[in-house]
């Protein structure tokens, strides 16, 4: 009997040939039945998708169907894997279906869908083009081709935004270095947000400036200088033009390395998610900590009224905490003596 034949051996009698034909017919019938069962499970909904995959897999393993029929089985299994979100498996099944039958348009469509979910844009375009060669009027493939064109355009636009953001940040770092300025870790970002210096087309640095009224820890944020009304909380009119003095905190914090400065400047931009950026870093270490103890009067440096922002920022002991921060105090206030004596420190 054919059942007792060794693997690879040929039937020698008519009886063995008949037995083999019967076995093949049974396996063929089983494969078709499993295929139909799989289709029914798909129609029954998500709870039965695993049953559908099992049926398609068992049908494939019968290895008795023609290439075109096997292609349909792989394509059907790809469809279920797509429904389950198993995009890599769906792509593998669809590609196997295409190998067996290159004209299987459903397999090409499912390969394109899986590739799109995996963000394989080049592969999506290729599968769509091949599918439309065989079925030029296929609406699903046309829609997918349009979507991939849109995705590609959006991807190119994002890449361009990232490139511009990185180039702009590098130019900004160079401008800061050329001016001999020192940037430390950003402070008071709950007040300043993601505001940072900018560099215009004339290579001029524009700085947003935070003013902190140390006595009450109120603040003003200056993006453009303009004349403003009296401060609403200054009931005693201590903070008038004639009575205020401006200070910066000397030697506070550490200088950021070039790579960390670049990363800081990219925060909030299209390139904030970029993991690796080439930086020509002469000194990858952070600057030395030049901090002065809170009790020393020299911690606070008064800003001369006629000095420019550029001159102040170039001071050797001024480490800019992200953006310039100046402390405003009034000579008329009782707080003034405490501040000048170095007894007051900014909140952490």
C-alpha atoms as a PDB file:
ATOM      1  CA  UNK A   1       0.000   0.000   0.000  1.00  0.00           C
ATOM      2  CA  UNK A   2       1.061   3.559  -0.722  1.00  0.00           C
ATOM      3  CA  UNK A   3       0.908   4.476   2.962  1.00  0.00           C
ATOM      4  CA  UNK A   4       3.882   2.188   3.650  1.00  0.00           C
ATOM      5  CA  UNK A   5       6.026   3.587   0.843  1.00  0.00           C
ATOM      6  CA  UNK A   6       9.316   5.245   1.782  1.00  0.00           C
ATOM      7  CA  UNK A   7       9.588   8.995   1.282  1.00  0.00           C
ATOM      8  CA  UNK A   8      10.833   9.838  -2.228  1.00  0.00           C
ATOM      9  CA  UNK A   9      10.183   6.431  -3.675  1.00  0.00           C
ATOM     10  CA  UNK A  10       8.024   6.017  -6.785  1.00  0.00           C
ATOM     11  CA  UNK A  11       4.893   3.801  -6.910  1.00  0.00           C
ATOM     12  CA  UNK A  12       5.556   0.555  -8.766  1.00  0.00           C
ATOM     13  CA  UNK A  13       2.112  -0.964  -8.936  1.00  0.00           C
ATOM     14  CA  UNK A  14      -1.228   0.339 -10.103  1.00  0.00           C
ATOM     15  CA  UNK A  15      -2.578  -0.176  -6.621  1.00  0.00           C
ATOM     16  CA  UNK A  16       0.087   2.113  -5.161  1.00  0.00           C
ATOM     17  CA  UNK A  17      -0.620   4.735  -7.838  1.00  0.00           C
ATOM     18  CA  UNK A  18      -4.329   4.620  -7.060  1.00  0.00           C
ATOM     19  CA  UNK A  19      -3.623   4.945  -3.359  1.00  0.00           C
ATOM     20  CA  UNK A  20      -1.396   7.976  -3.925  1.00  0.00           C
ATOM     21  CA  UNK A  21      -4.001   9.646  -6.099  1.00  0.00           C
ATOM     22  CA  UNK A  22      -6.615   9.039  -3.413  1.00  0.00           C
ATOM     23  CA  UNK A  23      -4.338  10.529  -0.734  1.00  0.00           C
ATOM     24  CA  UNK A  24      -3.627  13.600  -2.902  1.00  0.00           C
ATOM     25  CA  UNK A  25      -7.327  14.044  -3.606  1.00  0.00           C
ATOM     26  CA  UNK A  26      -8.077  13.831   0.123  1.00  0.00           C
ATOM     27  CA  UNK A  27      -5.375  16.374   0.971  1.00  0.00           C
ATOM     28  CA  UNK A  28      -6.630  18.643  -1.806  1.00  0.00           C
ATOM     29  CA  UNK A  29     -10.168  18.406  -0.493  1.00  0.00           C
ATOM     30  CA  UNK A  30      -8.936  19.051   3.050  1.00  0.00           C
ATOM     31  CA  UNK A  31      -6.979  22.124   1.955  1.00  0.00           C
ATOM     32  CA  UNK A  32     -10.017  23.593   0.190  1.00  0.00           C
ATOM     33  CA  UNK A  33     -12.211  22.864   3.185  1.00  0.00           C
ATOM     34  CA  UNK A  34      -9.712  24.531   5.527  1.00  0.00           C
ATOM     35  CA  UNK A  35      -9.589  27.539   3.239  1.00  0.00           C
ATOM     36  CA  UNK A  36     -13.369  27.850   3.310  1.00  0.00           C
ATOM     37  CA  UNK A  37     -13.425  27.421   7.095  1.00  0.00           C
ATOM     38  CA  UNK A  38     -10.832  30.194   7.391  1.00  0.00           C
ATOM     39  CA  UNK A  39     -12.981  32.486   5.270  1.00  0.00           C
ATOM     40  CA  UNK A  40     -15.968  31.796   7.500  1.00  0.00           C
ATOM     41  CA  UNK A  41     -13.971  32.530  10.652  1.00  0.00           C
ATOM     42  CA  UNK A  42     -12.922  35.908   9.203  1.00  0.00           C
ATOM     43  CA  UNK A  43     -16.580  36.798   8.611  1.00  0.00           C
ATOM     44  CA  UNK A  44     -17.384  35.857  12.221  1.00  0.00           C
ATOM     45  CA  UNK A  45     -15.224  38.700  13.541  1.00  0.00           C
ATOM     46  CA  UNK A  46     -12.122  39.445  15.567  1.00  0.00           C
ATOM     47  CA  UNK A  47     -12.647  36.756  18.186  1.00  0.00           C
ATOM     48  CA  UNK A  48     -12.169  34.127  15.476  1.00  0.00           C
ATOM     49  CA  UNK A  49      -9.211  35.661  13.617  1.00  0.00           C
ATOM     50  CA  UNK A  50      -6.762  33.272  15.285  1.00  0.00           C
ATOM     51  CA  UNK A  51      -8.923  30.357  14.138  1.00  0.00           C
ATOM     52  CA  UNK A  52      -8.844  31.743  10.602  1.00  0.00           C
ATOM     53  CA  UNK A  53      -5.048  31.965  10.656  1.00  0.00           C
ATOM     54  CA  UNK A  54      -4.861  28.375  11.924  1.00  0.00           C
ATOM     55  CA  UNK A  55      -7.081  27.147   9.087  1.00  0.00           C
ATOM     56  CA  UNK A  56      -5.108  29.001   6.408  1.00  0.00           C
ATOM     57  CA  UNK A  57      -1.832  27.721   7.862  1.00  0.00           C
ATOM     58  CA  UNK A  58      -3.016  24.107   7.875  1.00  0.00           C
ATOM     59  CA  UNK A  59      -4.288  24.479   4.316  1.00  0.00           C
ATOM     60  CA  UNK A  60      -0.918  25.873   3.201  1.00  0.00           C
ATOM     61  CA  UNK A  61       0.883  22.988   4.893  1.00  0.00           C
ATOM     62  CA  UNK A  62      -1.069  20.433   2.829  1.00  0.00           C
ATOM     63  CA  UNK A  63       1.160  21.505  -0.076  1.00  0.00           C
ATOM     64  CA  UNK A  64      -1.179  20.094  -2.688  1.00  0.00           C
ATOM     65  CA  UNK A  65      -2.786  23.183  -4.208  1.00  0.00           C
ATOM     66  CA  UNK A  66      -1.572  24.982  -7.299  1.00  0.00           C
ATOM     67  CA  UNK A  67       0.663  28.042  -6.992  1.00  0.00           C
ATOM     68  CA  UNK A  68      -2.255  30.377  -7.681  1.00  0.00           C
ATOM     69  CA  UNK A  69      -4.365  28.673  -4.994  1.00  0.00           C
ATOM     70  CA  UNK A  70      -1.496  28.713  -2.512  1.00  0.00           C
ATOM     71  CA  UNK A  71      -1.024  32.403  -3.316  1.00  0.00           C
ATOM     72  CA  UNK A  72      -4.637  33.052  -2.306  1.00  0.00           C
ATOM     73  CA  UNK A  73      -4.070  31.264   1.009  1.00  0.00           C
ATOM     74  CA  UNK A  74      -1.011  33.359   1.820  1.00  0.00           C
ATOM     75  CA  UNK A  75      -2.878  36.513   0.751  1.00  0.00           C
ATOM     76  CA  UNK A  76      -5.842  35.605   2.970  1.00  0.00           C
ATOM     77  CA  UNK A  77      -3.554  35.037   5.934  1.00  0.00           C
ATOM     78  CA  UNK A  78      -1.900  38.382   5.216  1.00  0.00           C
ATOM     79  CA  UNK A  79      -5.350  39.976   5.322  1.00  0.00           C
ATOM     80  CA  UNK A  80      -6.059  38.559   8.802  1.00  0.00           C
ATOM     81  CA  UNK A  81      -2.641  39.618  10.065  1.00  0.00           C
ATOM     82  CA  UNK A  82      -3.371  43.126   8.807  1.00  0.00           C
ATOM     83  CA  UNK A  83      -6.635  43.118  10.750  1.00  0.00           C
ATOM     84  CA  UNK A  84      -4.738  42.020  13.869  1.00  0.00           C
ATOM     85  CA  UNK A  85      -2.036  44.657  13.420  1.00  0.00           C
ATOM     86  CA  UNK A  86       0.670  42.066  12.743  1.00  0.00           C
ATOM     87  CA  UNK A  87       2.091  44.172   9.927  1.00  0.00           C
ATOM     88  CA  UNK A  88       5.457  42.459   9.578  1.00  0.00           C
ATOM     89  CA  UNK A  89       3.821  39.014   9.339  1.00  0.00           C
ATOM     90  CA  UNK A  90       1.235  40.408   6.947  1.00  0.00           C
ATOM     91  CA  UNK A  91       3.983  41.732   4.688  1.00  0.00           C
ATOM     92  CA  UNK A  92       5.838  38.407   4.723  1.00  0.00           C
ATOM     93  CA  UNK A  93       2.665  36.505   3.802  1.00  0.00           C
ATOM     94  CA  UNK A  94       1.762  38.975   1.055  1.00  0.00           C
ATOM     95  CA  UNK A  95       5.264  38.784  -0.418  1.00  0.00           C
ATOM     96  CA  UNK A  96       5.059  34.974  -0.419  1.00  0.00           C
ATOM     97  CA  UNK A  97       1.713  35.210  -2.204  1.00  0.00           C
ATOM     98  CA  UNK A  98       3.239  37.519  -4.823  1.00  0.00           C
ATOM     99  CA  UNK A  99       6.122  35.101  -5.421  1.00  0.00           C
ATOM    100  CA  UNK A 100       3.660  32.311  -6.119  1.00  0.00           C
ATOM    101  CA  UNK A 101       1.428  34.479  -8.290  1.00  0.00           C
ATOM    102  CA  UNK A 102       2.801  37.897  -9.369  1.00  0.00           C
ATOM    103  CA  UNK A 103      -0.622  38.891 -10.753  1.00  0.00           C
ATOM    104  CA  UNK A 104      -2.388  38.479  -7.399  1.00  0.00           C
ATOM    105  CA  UNK A 105      -3.637  42.063  -7.064  1.00  0.00           C
ATOM    106  CA  UNK A 106      -5.102  41.516  -3.595  1.00  0.00           C
ATOM    107  CA  UNK A 107      -1.715  40.305  -2.381  1.00  0.00           C
ATOM    108  CA  UNK A 108      -0.040  43.376  -3.885  1.00  0.00           C
ATOM    109  CA  UNK A 109      -2.587  45.636  -2.188  1.00  0.00           C
ATOM    110  CA  UNK A 110      -2.100  43.916   1.165  1.00  0.00           C
ATOM    111  CA  UNK A 111       1.673  44.114   0.804  1.00  0.00           C
ATOM    112  CA  UNK A 112       1.297  47.839   0.157  1.00  0.00           C
ATOM    113  CA  UNK A 113      -0.991  48.272   3.187  1.00  0.00           C
ATOM    114  CA  UNK A 114       1.415  46.413   5.478  1.00  0.00           C
ATOM    115  CA  UNK A 115       4.385  48.388   4.136  1.00  0.00           C
ATOM    116  CA  UNK A 116       2.546  51.645   4.761  1.00  0.00           C
ATOM    117  CA  UNK A 117       1.914  50.665   8.367  1.00  0.00           C
ATOM    118  CA  UNK A 118       5.634  49.900   8.701  1.00  0.00           C
ATOM    119  CA  UNK A 119       6.467  53.273   7.091  1.00  0.00           C
ATOM    120  CA  UNK A 120       8.263  51.540   4.194  1.00  0.00           C
ATOM    121  CA  UNK A 121       7.300  54.244   1.714  1.00  0.00           C
ATOM    122  CA  UNK A 122       9.472  53.065  -1.184  1.00  0.00           C
ATOM    123  CA  UNK A 123       8.029  49.550  -0.942  1.00  0.00           C
ATOM    124  CA  UNK A 124       4.460  50.895  -0.813  1.00  0.00           C
ATOM    125  CA  UNK A 125       4.971  52.799  -4.043  1.00  0.00           C
ATOM    126  CA  UNK A 126       6.469  49.736  -5.735  1.00  0.00           C
ATOM    127  CA  UNK A 127       3.602  47.421  -4.717  1.00  0.00           C
ATOM    128  CA  UNK A 128       1.005  49.982  -5.815  1.00  0.00           C
ATOM    129  CA  UNK A 129       2.637  50.447  -9.204  1.00  0.00           C
ATOM    130  CA  UNK A 130       2.810  46.679  -9.801  1.00  0.00           C
ATOM    131  CA  UNK A 131      -0.806  46.245  -8.732  1.00  0.00           C
ATOM    132  CA  UNK A 132      -2.037  49.022 -11.029  1.00  0.00           C
ATOM    133  CA  UNK A 133      -0.141  47.457 -13.937  1.00  0.00           C
ATOM    134  CA  UNK A 134      -2.423  44.418 -13.603  1.00  0.00           C
ATOM    135  CA  UNK A 135      -5.565  46.325 -12.583  1.00  0.00           C
ATOM    136  CA  UNK A 136      -5.354  49.990 -13.708  1.00  0.00           C
ATOM    137  CA  UNK A 137      -8.849  50.790 -12.421  1.00  0.00           C
ATOM    138  CA  UNK A 138      -8.424  49.367  -8.928  1.00  0.00           C
ATOM    139  CA  UNK A 139      -9.837  52.112  -6.673  1.00  0.00           C
ATOM    140  CA  UNK A 140      -8.189  50.847  -3.482  1.00  0.00           C
ATOM    141  CA  UNK A 141      -4.746  50.812  -5.058  1.00  0.00           C
ATOM    142  CA  UNK A 142      -5.302  54.256  -6.581  1.00  0.00           C
ATOM    143  CA  UNK A 143      -6.334  55.641  -3.203  1.00  0.00           C
ATOM    144  CA  UNK A 144      -3.319  54.055  -1.552  1.00  0.00           C
ATOM    145  CA  UNK A 145      -1.004  55.454  -4.238  1.00  0.00           C
ATOM    146  CA  UNK A 146      -2.407  58.937  -3.607  1.00  0.00           C
ATOM    147  CA  UNK A 147      -1.917  58.494   0.135  1.00  0.00           C
ATOM    148  CA  UNK A 148       1.694  57.440  -0.300  1.00  0.00           C
ATOM    149  CA  UNK A 149       2.371  60.475  -2.494  1.00  0.00           C
ATOM    150  CA  UNK A 150       0.970  62.644   0.307  1.00  0.00           C
ATOM    151  CA  UNK A 151       2.993  60.764   2.928  1.00  0.00           C
ATOM    152  CA  UNK A 152       6.166  61.169   0.877  1.00  0.00           C
ATOM    153  CA  UNK A 153       5.533  64.897   0.505  1.00  0.00           C
ATOM    154  CA  UNK A 154       4.912  65.261   4.255  1.00  0.00           C
ATOM    155  CA  UNK A 155       8.044  63.208   4.982  1.00  0.00           C
ATOM    156  CA  UNK A 156      10.155  65.391   2.679  1.00  0.00           C
ATOM    157  CA  UNK A 157       8.728  68.533   4.267  1.00  0.00           C
ATOM    158  CA  UNK A 158       9.511  67.220   7.767  1.00  0.00           C
ATOM    159  CA  UNK A 159      13.047  66.329   6.726  1.00  0.00           C
ATOM    160  CA  UNK A 160      13.491  69.811   5.272  1.00  0.00           C
ATOM    161  CA  UNK A 161      12.214  71.353   8.527  1.00  0.00           C
ATOM    162  CA  UNK A 162      14.615  69.204  10.534  1.00  0.00           C
ATOM    163  CA  UNK A 163      17.531  70.187   8.296  1.00  0.00           C
ATOM    164  CA  UNK A 164      16.675  73.882   8.599  1.00  0.00           C
ATOM    165  CA  UNK A 165      16.303  73.610  12.384  1.00  0.00           C
ATOM    166  CA  UNK A 166      19.662  71.852  12.775  1.00  0.00           C
ATOM    167  CA  UNK A 167      21.425  74.287  10.443  1.00  0.00           C
ATOM    168  CA  UNK A 168      19.889  77.259  12.260  1.00  0.00           C
ATOM    169  CA  UNK A 169      20.884  75.887  15.672  1.00  0.00           C
ATOM    170  CA  UNK A 170      24.448  75.257  14.483  1.00  0.00           C
ATOM    171  CA  UNK A 171      24.676  78.822  13.141  1.00  0.00           C
ATOM    172  CA  UNK A 172      23.400  80.060  16.485  1.00  0.00           C
ATOM    173  CA  UNK A 173      25.998  78.025  18.384  1.00  0.00           C
ATOM    174  CA  UNK A 174      28.742  79.432  16.139  1.00  0.00           C
ATOM    175  CA  UNK A 175      27.504  82.992  16.710  1.00  0.00           C
ATOM    176  CA  UNK A 176      27.499  82.444  20.477  1.00  0.00           C
ATOM    177  CA  UNK A 177      31.014  80.977  20.357  1.00  0.00           C
ATOM    178  CA  UNK A 178      32.319  83.773  18.112  1.00  0.00           C
ATOM    179  CA  UNK A 179      31.110  86.338  20.642  1.00  0.00           C
ATOM    180  CA  UNK A 180      32.755  84.518  23.526  1.00  0.00           C
ATOM    181  CA  UNK A 181      29.476  84.023  25.364  1.00  0.00           C
ATOM    182  CA  UNK A 182      28.871  81.282  27.915  1.00  0.00           C
ATOM    183  CA  UNK A 183      25.534  79.470  28.118  1.00  0.00           C
ATOM    184  CA  UNK A 184      24.539  77.447  31.148  1.00  0.00           C
ATOM    185  CA  UNK A 185      21.564  75.291  32.015  1.00  0.00           C
ATOM    186  CA  UNK A 186      18.257  77.040  31.420  1.00  0.00           C
ATOM    187  CA  UNK A 187      16.527  78.411  34.499  1.00  0.00           C
ATOM    188  CA  UNK A 188      12.979  79.587  35.184  1.00  0.00           C
ATOM    189  CA  UNK A 189      11.578  77.798  32.147  1.00  0.00           C
ATOM    190  CA  UNK A 190       8.189  77.831  33.825  1.00  0.00           C
ATOM    191  CA  UNK A 191       8.339  81.581  33.110  1.00  0.00           C
ATOM    192  CA  UNK A 192      10.209  81.627  29.818  1.00  0.00           C
ATOM    193  CA  UNK A 193       8.879  78.493  28.138  1.00  0.00           C
ATOM    194  CA  UNK A 194      10.937  77.485  25.122  1.00  0.00           C
ATOM    195  CA  UNK A 195      12.048  80.997  24.217  1.00  0.00           C
ATOM    196  CA  UNK A 196      15.656  81.167  23.043  1.00  0.00           C
ATOM    197  CA  UNK A 197      17.995  83.609  21.324  1.00  0.00           C
ATOM    198  CA  UNK A 198      17.666  84.005  17.565  1.00  0.00           C
ATOM    199  CA  UNK A 199      20.091  84.960  14.823  1.00  0.00           C
ATOM    200  CA  UNK A 200      18.890  87.181  11.981  1.00  0.00           C
ATOM    201  CA  UNK A 201      20.116  87.372   8.398  1.00  0.00           C
ATOM    202  CA  UNK A 202      22.576  90.121   9.344  1.00  0.00           C
ATOM    203  CA  UNK A 203      24.242  87.848  11.923  1.00  0.00           C
ATOM    204  CA  UNK A 204      22.775  89.873  14.788  1.00  0.00           C
ATOM    205  CA  UNK A 205      21.814  87.987  17.950  1.00  0.00           C
ATOM    206  CA  UNK A 206      18.409  88.792  19.420  1.00  0.00           C
ATOM    207  CA  UNK A 207      17.950  87.879  23.078  1.00  0.00           C
ATOM    208  CA  UNK A 208      14.734  87.484  25.000  1.00  0.00           C
ATOM    209  CA  UNK A 209      15.347  88.765  28.525  1.00  0.00           C
ATOM    210  CA  UNK A 210      13.745  87.781  31.823  1.00  0.00           C
ATOM    211  CA  UNK A 211      13.512  90.415  34.552  1.00  0.00           C
ATOM    212  CA  UNK A 212      12.941  89.097  38.071  1.00  0.00           C
ATOM    213  CA  UNK A 213      11.826  91.392  40.853  1.00  0.00           C
ATOM    214  CA  UNK A 214      13.712  89.678  43.644  1.00  0.00           C
ATOM    215  CA  UNK A 215      11.725  91.208  46.487  1.00  0.00           C
ATOM    216  CA  UNK A 216       8.395  89.741  45.364  1.00  0.00           C
ATOM    217  CA  UNK A 217       9.641  87.195  42.791  1.00  0.00           C
ATOM    218  CA  UNK A 218       7.395  88.673  40.164  1.00  0.00           C
ATOM    219  CA  UNK A 219       8.678  88.818  36.622  1.00  0.00           C
ATOM    220  CA  UNK A 220       8.584  90.577  33.291  1.00  0.00           C
ATOM    221  CA  UNK A 221       9.551  88.944  30.054  1.00  0.00           C
ATOM    222  CA  UNK A 222      10.985  91.188  27.365  1.00  0.00           C
ATOM    223  CA  UNK A 223      10.844  90.142  23.741  1.00  0.00           C
ATOM    224  CA  UNK A 224      10.698  93.711  22.421  1.00  0.00           C
ATOM    225  CA  UNK A 225      11.493  96.746  24.520  1.00  0.00           C
ATOM    226  CA  UNK A 226       8.661  99.209  24.859  1.00  0.00           C
ATOM    227  CA  UNK A 227       7.243 101.725  27.322  1.00  0.00           C
ATOM    228  CA  UNK A 228       5.037 100.049  29.892  1.00  0.00           C
ATOM    229  CA  UNK A 229       2.647 101.333  32.580  1.00  0.00           C
ATOM    230  CA  UNK A 230       3.468 101.206  36.339  1.00  0.00           C
ATOM    231  CA  UNK A 231       3.694  97.762  37.905  1.00  0.00           C
ATOM    232  CA  UNK A 232       0.297  96.792  39.346  1.00  0.00           C
ATOM    233  CA  UNK A 233       1.785  95.242  42.511  1.00  0.00           C
ATOM    234  CA  UNK A 234       4.055  98.244  43.279  1.00  0.00           C
ATOM    235  CA  UNK A 235       1.568 100.074  45.501  1.00  0.00           C
ATOM    236  CA  UNK A 236       4.249 102.246  47.154  1.00  0.00           C
ATOM    237  CA  UNK A 237       5.843 103.247  43.842  1.00  0.00           C
ATOM    238  CA  UNK A 238       9.244 101.949  44.870  1.00  0.00           C
ATOM    239  CA  UNK A 239       9.999 100.521  41.438  1.00  0.00           C
ATOM    240  CA  UNK A 240      10.224 103.682  39.377  1.00  0.00           C
ATOM    241  CA  UNK A 241      12.745 104.408  36.664  1.00  0.00           C
ATOM    242  CA  UNK A 242      14.886 106.493  38.997  1.00  0.00           C
ATOM    243  CA  UNK A 243      14.959 104.075  41.948  1.00  0.00           C
ATOM    244  CA  UNK A 244      15.636 100.668  40.419  1.00  0.00           C
ATOM    245  CA  UNK A 245      18.935  98.903  39.882  1.00  0.00           C
ATOM    246  CA  UNK A 246      19.646  95.908  37.667  1.00  0.00           C
ATOM    247  CA  UNK A 247      21.876  92.968  38.672  1.00  0.00           C
ATOM    248  CA  UNK A 248      22.978  89.651  37.275  1.00  0.00           C
ATOM    249  CA  UNK A 249      24.136  86.605  39.201  1.00  0.00           C
ATOM    250  CA  UNK A 250      27.876  86.138  38.736  1.00  0.00           C
ATOM    251  CA  UNK A 251      29.404  82.739  38.035  1.00  0.00           C
ATOM    252  CA  UNK A 252      26.229  80.772  38.579  1.00  0.00           C
ATOM    253  CA  UNK A 253      26.121  77.259  37.128  1.00  0.00           C
ATOM    254  CA  UNK A 254      28.344  75.631  34.520  1.00  0.00           C
ATOM    255  CA  UNK A 255      28.857  76.230  30.826  1.00  0.00           C
ATOM    256  CA  UNK A 256      27.125  73.771  28.522  1.00  0.00           C
ATOM    257  CA  UNK A 257      29.243  71.759  26.136  1.00  0.00           C
ATOM    258  CA  UNK A 258      28.743  72.466  22.458  1.00  0.00           C
ATOM    259  CA  UNK A 259      26.647  69.328  21.934  1.00  0.00           C
ATOM    260  CA  UNK A 260      24.418  70.083  24.947  1.00  0.00           C
ATOM    261  CA  UNK A 261      24.000  73.683  23.830  1.00  0.00           C
ATOM    262  CA  UNK A 262      22.946  72.513  20.386  1.00  0.00           C
ATOM    263  CA  UNK A 263      20.493  70.050  21.927  1.00  0.00           C
ATOM    264  CA  UNK A 264      19.039  72.834  24.110  1.00  0.00           C
ATOM    265  CA  UNK A 265      18.595  75.150  21.128  1.00  0.00           C
ATOM    266  CA  UNK A 266      16.766  72.415  19.229  1.00  0.00           C
ATOM    267  CA  UNK A 267      14.155  71.942  21.969  1.00  0.00           C
ATOM    268  CA  UNK A 268      10.704  72.697  20.625  1.00  0.00           C
ATOM    269  CA  UNK A 269      11.849  72.578  16.982  1.00  0.00           C
ATOM    270  CA  UNK A 270      11.211  70.041  14.238  1.00  0.00           C
ATOM    271  CA  UNK A 271      14.606  68.513  15.050  1.00  0.00           C
ATOM    272  CA  UNK A 272      14.013  68.048  18.788  1.00  0.00           C
ATOM    273  CA  UNK A 273      13.506  64.281  18.270  1.00  0.00           C
ATOM    274  CA  UNK A 274      16.714  63.742  16.272  1.00  0.00           C
ATOM    275  CA  UNK A 275      18.875  61.321  18.262  1.00  0.00           C
ATOM    276  CA  UNK A 276      22.261  61.909  16.669  1.00  0.00           C
ATOM    277  CA  UNK A 277      23.639  65.214  15.373  1.00  0.00           C
ATOM    278  CA  UNK A 278      27.163  65.682  14.059  1.00  0.00           C
ATOM    279  CA  UNK A 279      28.968  68.300  16.133  1.00  0.00           C
ATOM    280  CA  UNK A 280      32.522  69.501  15.670  1.00  0.00           C
ATOM    281  CA  UNK A 281      33.237  69.597  19.373  1.00  0.00           C
ATOM    282  CA  UNK A 282      36.662  70.859  20.339  1.00  0.00           C
ATOM    283  CA  UNK A 283      35.890  70.377  24.008  1.00  0.00           C
ATOM    284  CA  UNK A 284      33.121  67.892  24.769  1.00  0.00           C
ATOM    285  CA  UNK A 285      33.306  68.487  28.517  1.00  0.00           C
ATOM    286  CA  UNK A 286      31.238  71.017  30.349  1.00  0.00           C
ATOM    287  CA  UNK A 287      32.811  74.201  31.600  1.00  0.00           C
ATOM    288  CA  UNK A 288      34.158  74.532  35.092  1.00  0.00           C
ATOM    289  CA  UNK A 289      31.813  75.558  37.854  1.00  0.00           C
ATOM    290  CA  UNK A 290      32.620  79.140  38.773  1.00  0.00           C
ATOM    291  CA  UNK A 291      29.815  79.476  41.319  1.00  0.00           C
ATOM    292  CA  UNK A 292      30.185  81.945  44.176  1.00  0.00           C
ATOM    293  CA  UNK A 293      28.691  81.131  47.559  1.00  0.00           C
ATOM    294  CA  UNK A 294      25.400  82.765  48.359  1.00  0.00           C
ATOM    295  CA  UNK A 295      26.822  84.634  51.291  1.00  0.00           C
ATOM    296  CA  UNK A 296      29.420  86.625  49.320  1.00  0.00           C
ATOM    297  CA  UNK A 297      28.404  90.124  48.329  1.00  0.00           C
ATOM    298  CA  UNK A 298      30.222  89.816  45.012  1.00  0.00           C
ATOM    299  CA  UNK A 299      27.648  87.287  43.826  1.00  0.00           C
ATOM    300  CA  UNK A 300      25.457  90.087  42.493  1.00  0.00           C
ATOM    301  CA  UNK A 301      26.945  92.328  39.831  1.00  0.00           C
ATOM    302  CA  UNK A 302      25.293  95.658  39.146  1.00  0.00           C
ATOM    303  CA  UNK A 303      24.630  96.497  35.497  1.00  0.00           C
ATOM    304  CA  UNK A 304      25.684 100.011  34.548  1.00  0.00           C
ATOM    305  CA  UNK A 305      22.859 102.033  33.093  1.00  0.00           C
ATOM    306  CA  UNK A 306      24.687 102.883  29.882  1.00  0.00           C
ATOM    307  CA  UNK A 307      26.014  99.404  29.158  1.00  0.00           C
ATOM    308  CA  UNK A 308      24.686  97.438  26.230  1.00  0.00           C
ATOM    309  CA  UNK A 309      23.250  93.940  26.583  1.00  0.00           C
ATOM    310  CA  UNK A 310      26.018  92.624  24.348  1.00  0.00           C
ATOM    311  CA  UNK A 311      28.735  94.021  26.628  1.00  0.00           C
ATOM    312  CA  UNK A 312      27.113  92.599  29.760  1.00  0.00           C
ATOM    313  CA  UNK A 313      26.689  89.137  28.277  1.00  0.00           C
ATOM    314  CA  UNK A 314      30.398  89.029  27.401  1.00  0.00           C
ATOM    315  CA  UNK A 315      31.434  89.455  31.032  1.00  0.00           C
ATOM    316  CA  UNK A 316      33.714  86.538  32.020  1.00  0.00           C
ATOM    317  CA  UNK A 317      31.678  85.792  35.139  1.00  0.00           C
ATOM    318  CA  UNK A 318      28.272  85.843  33.415  1.00  0.00           C
ATOM    319  CA  UNK A 319      27.052  82.349  32.539  1.00  0.00           C
ATOM    320  CA  UNK A 320      23.768  82.924  30.718  1.00  0.00           C
ATOM    321  CA  UNK A 321      21.097  80.558  32.119  1.00  0.00           C
ATOM    322  CA  UNK A 322      19.588  79.706  28.744  1.00  0.00           C
ATOM    323  CA  UNK A 323      18.497  83.283  28.186  1.00  0.00           C
ATOM    324  CA  UNK A 324      19.669  86.396  30.074  1.00  0.00           C
ATOM    325  CA  UNK A 325      18.120  86.809  33.526  1.00  0.00           C
ATOM    326  CA  UNK A 326      18.451  90.083  35.401  1.00  0.00           C
ATOM    327  CA  UNK A 327      17.275  90.887  38.919  1.00  0.00           C
ATOM    328  CA  UNK A 328      15.526  94.195  39.553  1.00  0.00           C
ATOM    329  CA  UNK A 329      15.701  95.768  43.017  1.00  0.00           C
ATOM    330  CA  UNK A 330      14.597  99.139  44.335  1.00  0.00           C
ATOM    331  CA  UNK A 331      16.868 101.382  46.369  1.00  0.00           C
ATOM    332  CA  UNK A 332      13.767 102.639  48.193  1.00  0.00           C
ATOM    333  CA  UNK A 333      12.730  99.189  49.377  1.00  0.00           C
ATOM    334  CA  UNK A 334      13.648  97.686  52.760  1.00  0.00           C
ATOM    335  CA  UNK A 335      14.613  94.569  50.818  1.00  0.00           C
ATOM    336  CA  UNK A 336      17.500  96.461  49.183  1.00  0.00           C
ATOM    337  CA  UNK A 337      19.898  96.131  52.150  1.00  0.00           C
ATOM    338  CA  UNK A 338      19.220  92.402  52.455  1.00  0.00           C
ATOM    339  CA  UNK A 339      19.889  91.908  48.777  1.00  0.00           C
ATOM    340  CA  UNK A 340      23.091  93.963  48.753  1.00  0.00           C
ATOM    341  CA  UNK A 341      24.373  92.086  51.793  1.00  0.00           C
ATOM    342  CA  UNK A 342      24.111  88.798  49.876  1.00  0.00           C
ATOM    343  CA  UNK A 343      21.504  87.397  52.280  1.00  0.00           C
ATOM    344  CA  UNK A 344      18.942  86.659  49.584  1.00  0.00           C
ATOM    345  CA  UNK A 345      19.166  83.710  47.193  1.00  0.00           C
ATOM    346  CA  UNK A 346      16.876  82.837  44.266  1.00  0.00           C
ATOM    347  CA  UNK A 347      14.403  80.043  44.927  1.00  0.00           C
ATOM    348  CA  UNK A 348      15.509  76.627  43.607  1.00  0.00           C
END
